[in-house]
Every structure is written in C-alpha cells, then in structure tokens.
Amino acid sequence: MKQTISQSIETKKREVENFKKQVLLFSTPEGINQSTFTLEETKELETKISIAMRKLTIQEAKMQLSGLESSSEALCIVCMERERKVEFAPCNHTVACTECSNFLNKCPKCREPIASKKSLV
C-alpha cells in the first residue's frame, strides 16, 4: 500500500513538472511555434488577449481615478485649493485649510459649532 501511494505521488510530481515546463515553454515568444496553432485557435488566442488588454486598461483607469480621488481628499473642502491643515474640536474633523478655517464658525462637514481649532502644520 505504501509503495503504491509513493509511486502515485511521484507520478503526480512528474506530471506537475512536465506541466510547468510546458507553461514555461509557451510563456515566451520563442516557445510558440506558429504552425502548431490552427486558424481557429489563433483567433481564440487573439480574442483572449484583446479581452485581457481591455481589462488591464479599465483597471489602470480605475487606479488613476482612485489616485485622483485620494489627492482631492487631502484638499480643503471649502476652497478645494489648499491642503487640509486645521482640526476642529469637538468633532475632530480635519477638512479645511488654515485660510478658510479663519472664517468658519461651524464645521463644514458636520455643521457642529467649532469650540476650538488646532493647526496641524
């Protein structure tokens, strides 16, 4: 019984290694022999590559948009020009720049009266 399990494990290991070699062979342009693909297989590969490229383009656009959103989140919500540098108490929101905070009596985010302002510079 032990011998057959060991043999089975070794067989599976060899199969995995062979599969790895095949994947490696076809993962490089030199490893692809154009004559091994039929016209239908070639068109199927082109379609898969095209879909993958579209997905990558969409993902890249989403990442860029996310980066823009992150950078705008650091801007004052009053003027949208300068960095947020003042924390309001008691709400603890940091949503305004120093210049805009000078004119505020209520937090622009929660509308709670501002008891004190702390500069985060």
PDB file of N, CA and C in Angstrom:
ATOM      1  N   MET A   1       0.825  -1.191   0.000  1.00  0.00           N
ATOM      2  CA  MET A   1       0.000   0.000   0.000  1.00  0.00           C
ATOM      3  C   MET A   1       0.871   1.259   0.000  1.00  0.00           C
ATOM      4  N   LYS A   2       1.904   1.307   0.882  1.00  0.00           N
ATOM      5  CA  LYS A   2       2.800   2.460   0.941  1.00  0.00           C
ATOM      6  C   LYS A   2       3.487   2.680  -0.398  1.00  0.00           C
ATOM      7  N   GLN A   3       3.884   1.602  -1.014  1.00  0.00           N
ATOM      8  CA  GLN A   3       4.602   1.687  -2.282  1.00  0.00           C
ATOM      9  C   GLN A   3       3.716   2.315  -3.360  1.00  0.00           C
ATOM     10  N   THR A   4       2.466   1.933  -3.430  1.00  0.00           N
ATOM     11  CA  THR A   4       1.594   2.486  -4.471  1.00  0.00           C
ATOM     12  C   THR A   4       1.292   3.963  -4.221  1.00  0.00           C
ATOM     13  N   ILE A   5       1.149   4.367  -2.966  1.00  0.00           N
ATOM     14  CA  ILE A   5       0.926   5.782  -2.658  1.00  0.00           C
ATOM     15  C   ILE A   5       2.166   6.582  -3.029  1.00  0.00           C
ATOM     16  N   SER A   6       3.340   6.066  -2.678  1.00  0.00           N
ATOM     17  CA  SER A   6       4.596   6.740  -3.028  1.00  0.00           C
ATOM     18  C   SER A   6       4.748   6.845  -4.534  1.00  0.00           C
ATOM     19  N   GLN A   7       4.420   5.780  -5.226  1.00  0.00           N
ATOM     20  CA  GLN A   7       4.506   5.798  -6.685  1.00  0.00           C
ATOM     21  C   GLN A   7       3.534   6.816  -7.273  1.00  0.00           C
ATOM     22  N   SER A   8       2.347   6.853  -6.715  1.00  0.00           N
ATOM     23  CA  SER A   8       1.338   7.795  -7.190  1.00  0.00           C
ATOM     24  C   SER A   8       1.792   9.239  -6.969  1.00  0.00           C
ATOM     25  N   ILE A   9       2.382   9.493  -5.817  1.00  0.00           N
ATOM     26  CA  ILE A   9       2.886  10.834  -5.517  1.00  0.00           C
ATOM     27  C   ILE A   9       3.989  11.217  -6.495  1.00  0.00           C
ATOM     28  N   GLU A  10       4.900  10.298  -6.745  1.00  0.00           N
ATOM     29  CA  GLU A  10       5.993  10.571  -7.687  1.00  0.00           C
ATOM     30  C   GLU A  10       5.454  10.816  -9.091  1.00  0.00           C
ATOM     31  N   THR A  11       4.469  10.051  -9.484  1.00  0.00           N
ATOM     32  CA  THR A  11       3.864  10.228 -10.804  1.00  0.00           C
ATOM     33  C   THR A  11       3.247  11.618 -10.911  1.00  0.00           C
ATOM     34  N   LYS A  12       2.527  12.011  -9.881  1.00  0.00           N
ATOM     35  CA  LYS A  12       1.891  13.339  -9.877  1.00  0.00           C
ATOM     36  C   LYS A  12       2.942  14.447  -9.890  1.00  0.00           C
ATOM     37  N   LYS A  13       4.027  14.261  -9.159  1.00  0.00           N
ATOM     38  CA  LYS A  13       5.107  15.248  -9.159  1.00  0.00           C
ATOM     39  C   LYS A  13       5.689  15.411 -10.558  1.00  0.00           C
ATOM     40  N   ARG A  14       5.891  14.279 -11.247  1.00  0.00           N
ATOM     41  CA  ARG A  14       6.420  14.335 -12.615  1.00  0.00           C
ATOM     42  C   ARG A  14       5.440  15.051 -13.542  1.00  0.00           C
ATOM     43  N   GLU A  15       4.153  14.771 -13.375  1.00  0.00           N
ATOM     44  CA  GLU A  15       3.141  15.430 -14.202  1.00  0.00           C
ATOM     45  C   GLU A  15       3.157  16.945 -13.981  1.00  0.00           C
ATOM     46  N   VAL A  16       3.268  17.348 -12.725  1.00  0.00           N
ATOM     47  CA  VAL A  16       3.323  18.775 -12.406  1.00  0.00           C
ATOM     48  C   VAL A  16       4.562  19.406 -13.030  1.00  0.00           C
ATOM     49  N   GLU A  17       5.696  18.754 -12.917  1.00  0.00           N
ATOM     50  CA  GLU A  17       6.930  19.280 -13.507  1.00  0.00           C
ATOM     51  C   GLU A  17       6.809  19.403 -15.020  1.00  0.00           C
ATOM     52  N   ASN A  18       6.227  18.401 -15.663  1.00  0.00           N
ATOM     53  CA  ASN A  18       6.029  18.461 -17.115  1.00  0.00           C
ATOM     54  C   ASN A  18       5.108  19.619 -17.489  1.00  0.00           C
ATOM     55  N   PHE A  19       4.051  19.797 -16.707  1.00  0.00           N
ATOM     56  CA  PHE A  19       3.128  20.893 -16.963  1.00  0.00           C
ATOM     57  C   PHE A  19       3.841  22.234 -16.806  1.00  0.00           C
ATOM     58  N   LYS A  20       4.656  22.363 -15.764  1.00  0.00           N
ATOM     59  CA  LYS A  20       5.419  23.599 -15.555  1.00  0.00           C
ATOM     60  C   LYS A  20       6.325  23.891 -16.749  1.00  0.00           C
ATOM     61  N   LYS A  21       6.975  22.840 -17.274  1.00  0.00           N
ATOM     62  CA  LYS A  21       7.857  23.018 -18.431  1.00  0.00           C
ATOM     63  C   LYS A  21       7.069  23.495 -19.646  1.00  0.00           C
ATOM     64  N   GLN A  22       5.874  22.926 -19.849  1.00  0.00           N
ATOM     65  CA  GLN A  22       5.044  23.332 -20.983  1.00  0.00           C
ATOM     66  C   GLN A  22       4.612  24.790 -20.845  1.00  0.00           C
ATOM     67  N   VAL A  23       4.195  25.168 -19.647  1.00  0.00           N
ATOM     68  CA  VAL A  23       3.785  26.552 -19.411  1.00  0.00           C
ATOM     69  C   VAL A  23       4.956  27.488 -19.666  1.00  0.00           C
ATOM     70  N   LEU A  24       6.123  27.132 -19.176  1.00  0.00           N
ATOM     71  CA  LEU A  24       7.313  27.943 -19.372  1.00  0.00           C
ATOM     72  C   LEU A  24       7.646  28.066 -20.851  1.00  0.00           C
ATOM     73  N   LEU A  25       7.531  26.977 -21.564  1.00  0.00           N
ATOM     74  CA  LEU A  25       7.825  26.967 -22.990  1.00  0.00           C
ATOM     75  C   LEU A  25       6.909  27.921 -23.746  1.00  0.00           C
ATOM     76  N   PHE A  26       5.616  27.904 -23.411  1.00  0.00           N
ATOM     77  CA  PHE A  26       4.658  28.734 -24.128  1.00  0.00           C
ATOM     78  C   PHE A  26       4.527  30.141 -23.561  1.00  0.00           C
ATOM     79  N   SER A  27       5.242  30.437 -22.489  1.00  0.00           N
ATOM     80  CA  SER A  27       5.158  31.783 -21.917  1.00  0.00           C
ATOM     81  C   SER A  27       6.140  32.741 -22.570  1.00  0.00           C
ATOM     82  N   THR A  28       7.013  32.229 -23.425  1.00  0.00           N
ATOM     83  CA  THR A  28       7.957  33.091 -24.128  1.00  0.00           C
ATOM     84  C   THR A  28       7.635  33.067 -25.617  1.00  0.00           C
ATOM     85  N   PRO A  29       7.811  34.195 -26.305  1.00  0.00           N
ATOM     86  CA  PRO A  29       7.519  34.235 -27.738  1.00  0.00           C
ATOM     87  C   PRO A  29       8.305  33.196 -28.533  1.00  0.00           C
ATOM     88  N   GLU A  30       9.544  32.911 -28.086  1.00  0.00           N
ATOM     89  CA  GLU A  30      10.356  31.939 -28.819  1.00  0.00           C
ATOM     90  C   GLU A  30       9.762  30.532 -28.716  1.00  0.00           C
ATOM     91  N   GLY A  31       9.031  30.275 -27.625  1.00  0.00           N
ATOM     92  CA  GLY A  31       8.485  28.939 -27.400  1.00  0.00           C
ATOM     93  C   GLY A  31       7.221  28.656 -28.183  1.00  0.00           C
ATOM     94  N   ILE A  32       6.663  29.673 -28.807  1.00  0.00           N
ATOM     95  CA  ILE A  32       5.424  29.468 -29.551  1.00  0.00           C
ATOM     96  C   ILE A  32       5.759  29.225 -31.010  1.00  0.00           C
ATOM     97  N   ASN A  33       5.408  28.078 -31.480  1.00  0.00           N
ATOM     98  CA  ASN A  33       5.609  27.726 -32.874  1.00  0.00           C
ATOM     99  C   ASN A  33       4.294  28.006 -33.594  1.00  0.00           C
ATOM    100  N   GLN A  34       4.294  28.979 -34.482  1.00  0.00           N
ATOM    101  CA  GLN A  34       3.064  29.398 -35.154  1.00  0.00           C
ATOM    102  C   GLN A  34       2.365  28.248 -35.874  1.00  0.00           C
ATOM    103  N   SER A  35       3.107  27.299 -36.359  1.00  0.00           N
ATOM    104  CA  SER A  35       2.495  26.208 -37.122  1.00  0.00           C
ATOM    105  C   SER A  35       1.730  25.238 -36.232  1.00  0.00           C
ATOM    106  N   THR A  36       1.886  25.336 -34.896  1.00  0.00           N
ATOM    107  CA  THR A  36       1.175  24.406 -34.015  1.00  0.00           C
ATOM    108  C   THR A  36      -0.249  24.860 -33.732  1.00  0.00           C
ATOM    109  N   PHE A  37      -0.624  26.086 -34.129  1.00  0.00           N
ATOM    110  CA  PHE A  37      -1.968  26.588 -33.885  1.00  0.00           C
ATOM    111  C   PHE A  37      -2.788  26.585 -35.165  1.00  0.00           C
ATOM    112  N   THR A  38      -4.039  26.198 -35.025  1.00  0.00           N
ATOM    113  CA  THR A  38      -4.951  26.306 -36.162  1.00  0.00           C
ATOM    114  C   THR A  38      -5.415  27.752 -36.245  1.00  0.00           C
ATOM    115  N   LEU A  39      -6.055  28.097 -37.343  1.00  0.00           N
ATOM    116  CA  LEU A  39      -6.574  29.449 -37.508  1.00  0.00           C
ATOM    117  C   LEU A  39      -7.587  29.766 -36.404  1.00  0.00           C
ATOM    118  N   GLU A  40      -8.422  28.798 -36.086  1.00  0.00           N
ATOM    119  CA  GLU A  40      -9.429  28.984 -35.035  1.00  0.00           C
ATOM    120  C   GLU A  40      -8.770  29.209 -33.671  1.00  0.00           C
ATOM    121  N   GLU A  41      -7.734  28.435 -33.372  1.00  0.00           N
ATOM    122  CA  GLU A  41      -7.019  28.597 -32.101  1.00  0.00           C
ATOM    123  C   GLU A  41      -6.329  29.962 -32.028  1.00  0.00           C
ATOM    124  N   THR A  42      -5.773  30.392 -33.149  1.00  0.00           N
ATOM    125  CA  THR A  42      -5.110  31.690 -33.200  1.00  0.00           C
ATOM    126  C   THR A  42      -6.106  32.815 -32.944  1.00  0.00           C
ATOM    127  N   LYS A  43      -7.282  32.724 -33.586  1.00  0.00           N
ATOM    128  CA  LYS A  43      -8.311  33.751 -33.378  1.00  0.00           C
ATOM    129  C   LYS A  43      -8.801  33.738 -31.936  1.00  0.00           C
ATOM    130  N   GLU A  44      -8.917  32.561 -31.347  1.00  0.00           N
ATOM    131  CA  GLU A  44      -9.345  32.445 -29.949  1.00  0.00           C
ATOM    132  C   GLU A  44      -8.314  33.098 -29.023  1.00  0.00           C
ATOM    133  N   LEU A  45      -7.035  32.857 -29.303  1.00  0.00           N
ATOM    134  CA  LEU A  45      -5.973  33.494 -28.515  1.00  0.00           C
ATOM    135  C   LEU A  45      -6.002  35.014 -28.666  1.00  0.00           C
ATOM    136  N   GLU A  46      -6.206  35.482 -29.893  1.00  0.00           N
ATOM    137  CA  GLU A  46      -6.289  36.924 -30.127  1.00  0.00           C
ATOM    138  C   GLU A  46      -7.443  37.539 -29.336  1.00  0.00           C
ATOM    139  N   THR A  47      -8.582  36.850 -29.319  1.00  0.00           N
ATOM    140  CA  THR A  47      -9.746  37.337 -28.568  1.00  0.00           C
ATOM    141  C   THR A  47      -9.435  37.403 -27.083  1.00  0.00           C
ATOM    142  N   LYS A  48      -8.814  36.347 -26.548  1.00  0.00           N
ATOM    143  CA  LYS A  48      -8.472  36.323 -25.122  1.00  0.00           C
ATOM    144  C   LYS A  48      -7.491  37.433 -24.775  1.00  0.00           C
ATOM    145  N   ILE A  49      -6.510  37.644 -25.641  1.00  0.00           N
ATOM    146  CA  ILE A  49      -5.525  38.701 -25.409  1.00  0.00           C
ATOM    147  C   ILE A  49      -6.201  40.068 -25.464  1.00  0.00           C
ATOM    148  N   SER A  50      -7.092  40.254 -26.424  1.00  0.00           N
ATOM    149  CA  SER A  50      -7.805  41.520 -26.558  1.00  0.00           C
ATOM    150  C   SER A  50      -8.652  41.810 -25.320  1.00  0.00           C
ATOM    151  N   ILE A  51      -9.352  40.801 -24.822  1.00  0.00           N
ATOM    152  CA  ILE A  51     -10.168  40.954 -23.612  1.00  0.00           C
ATOM    153  C   ILE A  51      -9.278  41.285 -22.419  1.00  0.00           C
ATOM    154  N   ALA A  52      -8.164  40.582 -22.304  1.00  0.00           N
ATOM    155  CA  ALA A  52      -7.240  40.835 -21.194  1.00  0.00           C
ATOM    156  C   ALA A  52      -6.687  42.258 -21.256  1.00  0.00           C
ATOM    157  N   MET A  53      -6.372  42.733 -22.450  1.00  0.00           N
ATOM    158  CA  MET A  53      -5.854  44.093 -22.610  1.00  0.00           C
ATOM    159  C   MET A  53      -6.912  45.127 -22.216  1.00  0.00           C
ATOM    160  N   ARG A  54      -8.175  44.876 -22.604  1.00  0.00           N
ATOM    161  CA  ARG A  54      -9.254  45.795 -22.219  1.00  0.00           C
ATOM    162  C   ARG A  54      -9.416  45.832 -20.706  1.00  0.00           C
ATOM    163  N   LYS A  55      -9.340  44.658 -20.077  1.00  0.00           N
ATOM    164  CA  LYS A  55      -9.463  44.594 -18.618  1.00  0.00           C
ATOM    165  C   LYS A  55      -8.327  45.360 -17.949  1.00  0.00           C
ATOM    166  N   LEU A  56      -7.118  45.226 -18.488  1.00  0.00           N
ATOM    167  CA  LEU A  56      -5.974  45.959 -17.943  1.00  0.00           C
ATOM    168  C   LEU A  56      -6.153  47.467 -18.097  1.00  0.00           C
ATOM    169  N   THR A  57      -6.659  47.891 -19.247  1.00  0.00           N
ATOM    170  CA  THR A  57      -6.892  49.312 -19.486  1.00  0.00           C
ATOM    171  C   THR A  57      -7.921  49.863 -18.505  1.00  0.00           C
ATOM    172  N   ILE A  58      -8.994  49.108 -18.293  1.00  0.00           N
ATOM    173  CA  ILE A  58     -10.034  49.523 -17.343  1.00  0.00           C
ATOM    174  C   ILE A  58      -9.468  49.591 -15.934  1.00  0.00           C
ATOM    175  N   GLN A  59      -8.694  48.572 -15.554  1.00  0.00           N
ATOM    176  CA  GLN A  59      -8.098  48.551 -14.217  1.00  0.00           C
ATOM    177  C   GLN A  59      -7.149  49.728 -14.020  1.00  0.00           C
ATOM    178  N   GLU A  60      -6.367  50.035 -15.043  1.00  0.00           N
ATOM    179  CA  GLU A  60      -5.434  51.164 -14.966  1.00  0.00           C
ATOM    180  C   GLU A  60      -6.201  52.476 -14.794  1.00  0.00           C
ATOM    181  N   ALA A  61      -7.302  52.633 -15.541  1.00  0.00           N
ATOM    182  CA  ALA A  61      -8.115  53.846 -15.420  1.00  0.00           C
ATOM    183  C   ALA A  61      -8.712  53.963 -14.020  1.00  0.00           C
ATOM    184  N   LYS A  62      -9.170  52.832 -13.478  1.00  0.00           N
ATOM    185  CA  LYS A  62      -9.729  52.840 -12.120  1.00  0.00           C
ATOM    186  C   LYS A  62      -8.668  53.244 -11.102  1.00  0.00           C
ATOM    187  N   MET A  63      -7.452  52.740 -11.272  1.00  0.00           N
ATOM    188  CA  MET A  63      -6.367  53.066 -10.349  1.00  0.00           C
ATOM    189  C   MET A  63      -6.012  54.552 -10.438  1.00  0.00           C
ATOM    190  N   GLN A  64      -5.994  55.090 -11.661  1.00  0.00           N
ATOM    191  CA  GLN A  64      -5.689  56.508 -11.830  1.00  0.00           C
ATOM    192  C   GLN A  64      -6.783  57.363 -11.203  1.00  0.00           C
ATOM    193  N   LEU A  65      -8.042  56.969 -11.401  1.00  0.00           N
ATOM    194  CA  LEU A  65      -9.162  57.699 -10.814  1.00  0.00           C
ATOM    195  C   LEU A  65      -9.091  57.644  -9.296  1.00  0.00           C
ATOM    196  N   SER A  66      -8.753  56.493  -8.774  1.00  0.00           N
ATOM    197  CA  SER A  66      -8.619  56.339  -7.327  1.00  0.00           C
ATOM    198  C   SER A  66      -7.524  57.256  -6.793  1.00  0.00           C
ATOM    199  N   GLY A  67      -6.440  57.374  -7.525  1.00  0.00           N
ATOM    200  CA  GLY A  67      -5.352  58.264  -7.132  1.00  0.00           C
ATOM    201  C   GLY A  67      -5.794  59.717  -7.139  1.00  0.00           C
ATOM    202  N   LEU A  68      -6.608  60.090  -8.129  1.00  0.00           N
ATOM    203  CA  LEU A  68      -7.126  61.455  -8.180  1.00  0.00           C
ATOM    204  C   LEU A  68      -8.054  61.726  -7.008  1.00  0.00           C
ATOM    205  N   GLU A  69      -8.900  60.745  -6.686  1.00  0.00           N
ATOM    206  CA  GLU A  69      -9.815  60.905  -5.563  1.00  0.00           C
ATOM    207  C   GLU A  69      -9.034  61.048  -4.266  1.00  0.00           C
ATOM    208  N   SER A  70      -7.981  60.251  -4.118  1.00  0.00           N
ATOM    209  CA  SER A  70      -7.168  60.323  -2.906  1.00  0.00           C
ATOM    210  C   SER A  70      -6.512  61.686  -2.769  1.00  0.00           C
ATOM    211  N   SER A  71      -6.009  62.223  -3.878  1.00  0.00           N
ATOM    212  CA  SER A  71      -5.348  63.519  -3.797  1.00  0.00           C
ATOM    213  C   SER A  71      -6.357  64.629  -3.524  1.00  0.00           C
ATOM    214  N   SER A  72      -7.586  64.525  -4.049  1.00  0.00           N
ATOM    215  CA  SER A  72      -8.586  65.558  -3.783  1.00  0.00           C
ATOM    216  C   SER A  72      -9.117  65.464  -2.363  1.00  0.00           C
ATOM    217  N   GLU A  73      -9.031  64.296  -1.741  1.00  0.00           N
ATOM    218  CA  GLU A  73      -9.461  64.137  -0.358  1.00  0.00           C
ATOM    219  C   GLU A  73      -8.548  64.892   0.597  1.00  0.00           C
ATOM    220  N   ALA A  74      -7.347  65.214   0.186  1.00  0.00           N
ATOM    221  CA  ALA A  74      -6.410  65.941   1.038  1.00  0.00           C
ATOM    222  C   ALA A  74      -6.617  67.448   0.931  1.00  0.00           C
ATOM    223  N   LEU A  75      -7.503  67.882   0.021  1.00  0.00           N
ATOM    224  CA  LEU A  75      -7.729  69.312  -0.178  1.00  0.00           C
ATOM    225  C   LEU A  75      -8.838  69.831   0.726  1.00  0.00           C
ATOM    226  N   CYS A  76      -8.744  71.093   1.053  1.00  0.00           N
ATOM    227  CA  CYS A  76      -9.754  71.794   1.844  1.00  0.00           C
ATOM    228  C   CYS A  76     -11.109  71.665   1.148  1.00  0.00           C
ATOM    229  N   ILE A  77     -12.158  71.312   1.906  1.00  0.00           N
ATOM    230  CA  ILE A  77     -13.471  71.139   1.275  1.00  0.00           C
ATOM    231  C   ILE A  77     -14.181  72.472   1.029  1.00  0.00           C
ATOM    232  N   VAL A  78     -13.602  73.564   1.509  1.00  0.00           N
ATOM    233  CA  VAL A  78     -14.189  74.883   1.278  1.00  0.00           C
ATOM    234  C   VAL A  78     -13.665  75.453  -0.041  1.00  0.00           C
ATOM    235  N   CYS A  79     -12.349  75.578  -0.169  1.00  0.00           N
ATOM    236  CA  CYS A  79     -11.765  76.196  -1.365  1.00  0.00           C
ATOM    237  C   CYS A  79     -11.308  75.177  -2.414  1.00  0.00           C
ATOM    238  N   MET A  80     -11.067  73.941  -1.999  1.00  0.00           N
ATOM    239  CA  MET A  80     -10.575  72.871  -2.881  1.00  0.00           C
ATOM    240  C   MET A  80      -9.258  73.240  -3.573  1.00  0.00           C
ATOM    241  N   GLU A  81      -8.461  74.086  -2.911  1.00  0.00           N
ATOM    242  CA  GLU A  81      -7.187  74.519  -3.487  1.00  0.00           C
ATOM    243  C   GLU A  81      -5.990  74.197  -2.604  1.00  0.00           C
ATOM    244  N   ARG A  82      -6.171  74.318  -1.301  1.00  0.00           N
ATOM    245  CA  ARG A  82      -5.058  74.135  -0.368  1.00  0.00           C
ATOM    246  C   ARG A  82      -5.274  72.880   0.475  1.00  0.00           C
ATOM    247  N   GLU A  83      -4.176  72.426   1.086  1.00  0.00           N
ATOM    248  CA  GLU A  83      -4.248  71.225   1.931  1.00  0.00           C
ATOM    249  C   GLU A  83      -5.023  71.482   3.213  1.00  0.00           C
ATOM    250  N   ARG A  84      -5.658  70.425   3.698  1.00  0.00           N
ATOM    251  CA  ARG A  84      -6.347  70.479   4.990  1.00  0.00           C
ATOM    252  C   ARG A  84      -5.289  70.534   6.089  1.00  0.00           C
ATOM    253  N   LYS A  85      -5.369  71.572   6.932  1.00  0.00           N
ATOM    254  CA  LYS A  85      -4.333  71.727   7.956  1.00  0.00           C
ATOM    255  C   LYS A  85      -4.876  72.108   9.325  1.00  0.00           C
ATOM    256  N   VAL A  86      -6.209  72.124   9.478  1.00  0.00           N
ATOM    257  CA  VAL A  86      -6.790  72.539  10.752  1.00  0.00           C
ATOM    258  C   VAL A  86      -7.796  71.492  11.220  1.00  0.00           C
ATOM    259  N   GLU A  87      -7.649  71.089  12.479  1.00  0.00           N
ATOM    260  CA  GLU A  87      -8.592  70.142  13.082  1.00  0.00           C
ATOM    261  C   GLU A  87      -9.547  70.915  13.984  1.00  0.00           C
ATOM    262  N   PHE A  88     -10.842  70.645  13.822  1.00  0.00           N
ATOM    263  CA  PHE A  88     -11.857  71.315  14.626  1.00  0.00           C
ATOM    264  C   PHE A  88     -12.222  70.463  15.827  1.00  0.00           C
ATOM    265  N   ALA A  89     -12.502  71.142  16.956  1.00  0.00           N
ATOM    266  CA  ALA A  89     -12.979  70.447  18.156  1.00  0.00           C
ATOM    267  C   ALA A  89     -14.376  70.988  18.450  1.00  0.00           C
ATOM    268  N   PRO A  90     -15.263  70.197  18.912  1.00  0.00           N
ATOM    269  CA  PRO A  90     -15.099  68.854  19.459  1.00  0.00           C
ATOM    270  C   PRO A  90     -15.280  67.729  18.435  1.00  0.00           C
ATOM    271  N   CYS A  91     -15.601  68.037  17.169  1.00  0.00           N
ATOM    272  CA  CYS A  91     -15.896  66.971  16.195  1.00  0.00           C
ATOM    273  C   CYS A  91     -14.646  66.256  15.684  1.00  0.00           C
ATOM    274  N   ASN A  92     -13.475  66.870  15.824  1.00  0.00           N
ATOM    275  CA  ASN A  92     -12.191  66.306  15.369  1.00  0.00           C
ATOM    276  C   ASN A  92     -12.088  66.126  13.857  1.00  0.00           C
ATOM    277  N   HIS A  93     -12.876  66.860  13.092  1.00  0.00           N
ATOM    278  CA  HIS A  93     -12.761  66.795  11.640  1.00  0.00           C
ATOM    279  C   HIS A  93     -11.607  67.678  11.171  1.00  0.00           C
ATOM    280  N   THR A  94     -10.855  67.172  10.218  1.00  0.00           N
ATOM    281  CA  THR A  94      -9.787  67.940   9.576  1.00  0.00           C
ATOM    282  C   THR A  94     -10.194  68.083   8.125  1.00  0.00           C
ATOM    283  N   VAL A  95     -10.901  69.180   7.831  1.00  0.00           N
ATOM    284  CA  VAL A  95     -11.468  69.327   6.496  1.00  0.00           C
ATOM    285  C   VAL A  95     -11.159  70.665   5.834  1.00  0.00           C
ATOM    286  N   ALA A  96     -10.459  71.554   6.536  1.00  0.00           N
ATOM    287  CA  ALA A  96     -10.233  72.895   5.991  1.00  0.00           C
ATOM    288  C   ALA A  96      -8.767  73.310   6.088  1.00  0.00           C
ATOM    289  N   CYS A  97      -8.408  74.230   5.208  1.00  0.00           N
ATOM    290  CA  CYS A  97      -7.064  74.811   5.246  1.00  0.00           C
ATOM    291  C   CYS A  97      -7.043  75.928   6.293  1.00  0.00           C
ATOM    292  N   THR A  98      -5.866  76.428   6.580  1.00  0.00           N
ATOM    293  CA  THR A  98      -5.716  77.489   7.583  1.00  0.00           C
ATOM    294  C   THR A  98      -6.504  78.739   7.193  1.00  0.00           C
ATOM    295  N   GLU A  99      -6.387  79.153   5.935  1.00  0.00           N
ATOM    296  CA  GLU A  99      -7.045  80.375   5.474  1.00  0.00           C
ATOM    297  C   GLU A  99      -8.562  80.282   5.609  1.00  0.00           C
ATOM    298  N   CYS A 100      -9.151  79.201   5.124  1.00  0.00           N
ATOM    299  CA  CYS A 100     -10.609  79.054   5.179  1.00  0.00           C
ATOM    300  C   CYS A 100     -11.109  78.865   6.607  1.00  0.00           C
ATOM    301  N   SER A 101     -10.333  78.182   7.429  1.00  0.00           N
ATOM    302  CA  SER A 101     -10.768  77.928   8.808  1.00  0.00           C
ATOM    303  C   SER A 101     -10.944  79.225   9.598  1.00  0.00           C
ATOM    304  N   ASN A 102     -10.215  80.278   9.197  1.00  0.00           N
ATOM    305  CA  ASN A 102     -10.335  81.571   9.883  1.00  0.00           C
ATOM    306  C   ASN A 102     -11.739  82.166   9.767  1.00  0.00           C
ATOM    307  N   PHE A 103     -12.484  81.767   8.752  1.00  0.00           N
ATOM    308  CA  PHE A 103     -13.813  82.333   8.515  1.00  0.00           C
ATOM    309  C   PHE A 103     -14.945  81.407   8.960  1.00  0.00           C
ATOM    310  N   LEU A 104     -14.606  80.245   9.521  1.00  0.00           N
ATOM    311  CA  LEU A 104     -15.633  79.254   9.867  1.00  0.00           C
ATOM    312  C   LEU A 104     -15.984  79.270  11.350  1.00  0.00           C
ATOM    313  N   ASN A 105     -17.292  79.189  11.618  1.00  0.00           N
ATOM    314  CA  ASN A 105     -17.788  79.061  12.988  1.00  0.00           C
ATOM    315  C   ASN A 105     -18.372  77.671  13.226  1.00  0.00           C
ATOM    316  N   LYS A 106     -18.727  76.996  12.109  1.00  0.00           N
ATOM    317  CA  LYS A 106     -19.269  75.640  12.181  1.00  0.00           C
ATOM    318  C   LYS A 106     -18.436  74.743  11.273  1.00  0.00           C
ATOM    319  N   CYS A 107     -18.305  73.494  11.654  1.00  0.00           N
ATOM    320  CA  CYS A 107     -17.578  72.528  10.824  1.00  0.00           C
ATOM    321  C   CYS A 107     -18.348  72.350   9.516  1.00  0.00           C
ATOM    322  N   PRO A 108     -17.683  72.513   8.373  1.00  0.00           N
ATOM    323  CA  PRO A 108     -18.380  72.370   7.099  1.00  0.00           C
ATOM    324  C   PRO A 108     -18.825  70.931   6.811  1.00  0.00           C
ATOM    325  N   LYS A 109     -18.281  69.989   7.536  1.00  0.00           N
ATOM    326  CA  LYS A 109     -18.652  68.590   7.302  1.00  0.00           C
ATOM    327  C   LYS A 109     -19.887  68.190   8.110  1.00  0.00           C
ATOM    328  N   CYS A 110     -19.884  68.485   9.417  1.00  0.00           N
ATOM    329  CA  CYS A 110     -20.978  68.026  10.279  1.00  0.00           C
ATOM    330  C   CYS A 110     -21.868  69.164  10.784  1.00  0.00           C
ATOM    331  N   ARG A 111     -21.482  70.403  10.494  1.00  0.00           N
ATOM    332  CA  ARG A 111     -22.228  71.601  10.887  1.00  0.00           C
ATOM    333  C   ARG A 111     -22.258  71.843  12.395  1.00  0.00           C
ATOM    334  N   GLU A 112     -21.407  71.141  13.142  1.00  0.00           N
ATOM    335  CA  GLU A 112     -21.325  71.330  14.593  1.00  0.00           C
ATOM    336  C   GLU A 112     -20.541  72.618  14.875  1.00  0.00           C
ATOM    337  N   PRO A 113     -20.972  73.402  15.878  1.00  0.00           N
ATOM    338  CA  PRO A 113     -20.213  74.615  16.224  1.00  0.00           C
ATOM    339  C   PRO A 113     -18.770  74.270  16.604  1.00  0.00           C
ATOM    340  N   ILE A 114     -17.852  75.100  16.146  1.00  0.00           N
ATOM    341  CA  ILE A 114     -16.428  74.883  16.415  1.00  0.00           C
ATOM    342  C   ILE A 114     -16.073  75.548  17.738  1.00  0.00           C
ATOM    343  N   ALA A 115     -15.620  74.739  18.703  1.00  0.00           N
ATOM    344  CA  ALA A 115     -15.208  75.265  20.007  1.00  0.00           C
ATOM    345  C   ALA A 115     -13.755  75.718  19.970  1.00  0.00           C
ATOM    346  N   SER A 116     -12.922  74.946  19.230  1.00  0.00           N
ATOM    347  CA  SER A 116     -11.512  75.321  19.090  1.00  0.00           C
ATOM    348  C   SER A 116     -10.954  74.763  17.792  1.00  0.00           C
ATOM    349  N   LYS A 117      -9.822  75.329  17.383  1.00  0.00           N
ATOM    350  CA  LYS A 117      -9.155  74.921  16.141  1.00  0.00           C
ATOM    351  C   LYS A 117      -7.710  74.606  16.464  1.00  0.00           C
ATOM    352  N   LYS A 118      -7.236  73.491  15.904  1.00  0.00           N
ATOM    353  CA  LYS A 118      -5.852  73.073  16.149  1.00  0.00           C
ATOM    354  C   LYS A 118      -5.121  72.991  14.806  1.00  0.00           C
ATOM    355  N   SER A 119      -4.042  73.739  14.676  1.00  0.00           N
ATOM    356  CA  SER A 119      -3.248  73.722  13.452  1.00  0.00           C
ATOM    357  C   SER A 119      -2.404  72.451  13.405  1.00  0.00           C
ATOM    358  N   LEU A 120      -2.404  71.783  12.269  1.00  0.00           N
ATOM    359  CA  LEU A 120      -1.651  70.534  12.103  1.00  0.00           C
ATOM    360  C   LEU A 120      -0.389  70.730  11.282  1.00  0.00           C
ATOM    361  N   VAL A 121       0.076  71.947  11.165  1.00  0.00           N
ATOM    362  CA  VAL A 121       1.252  72.257  10.346  1.00  0.00           C
ATOM    363  C   VAL A 121       2.485  71.708  10.939  1.00  0.00           C
TER     364      VAL A 121
END
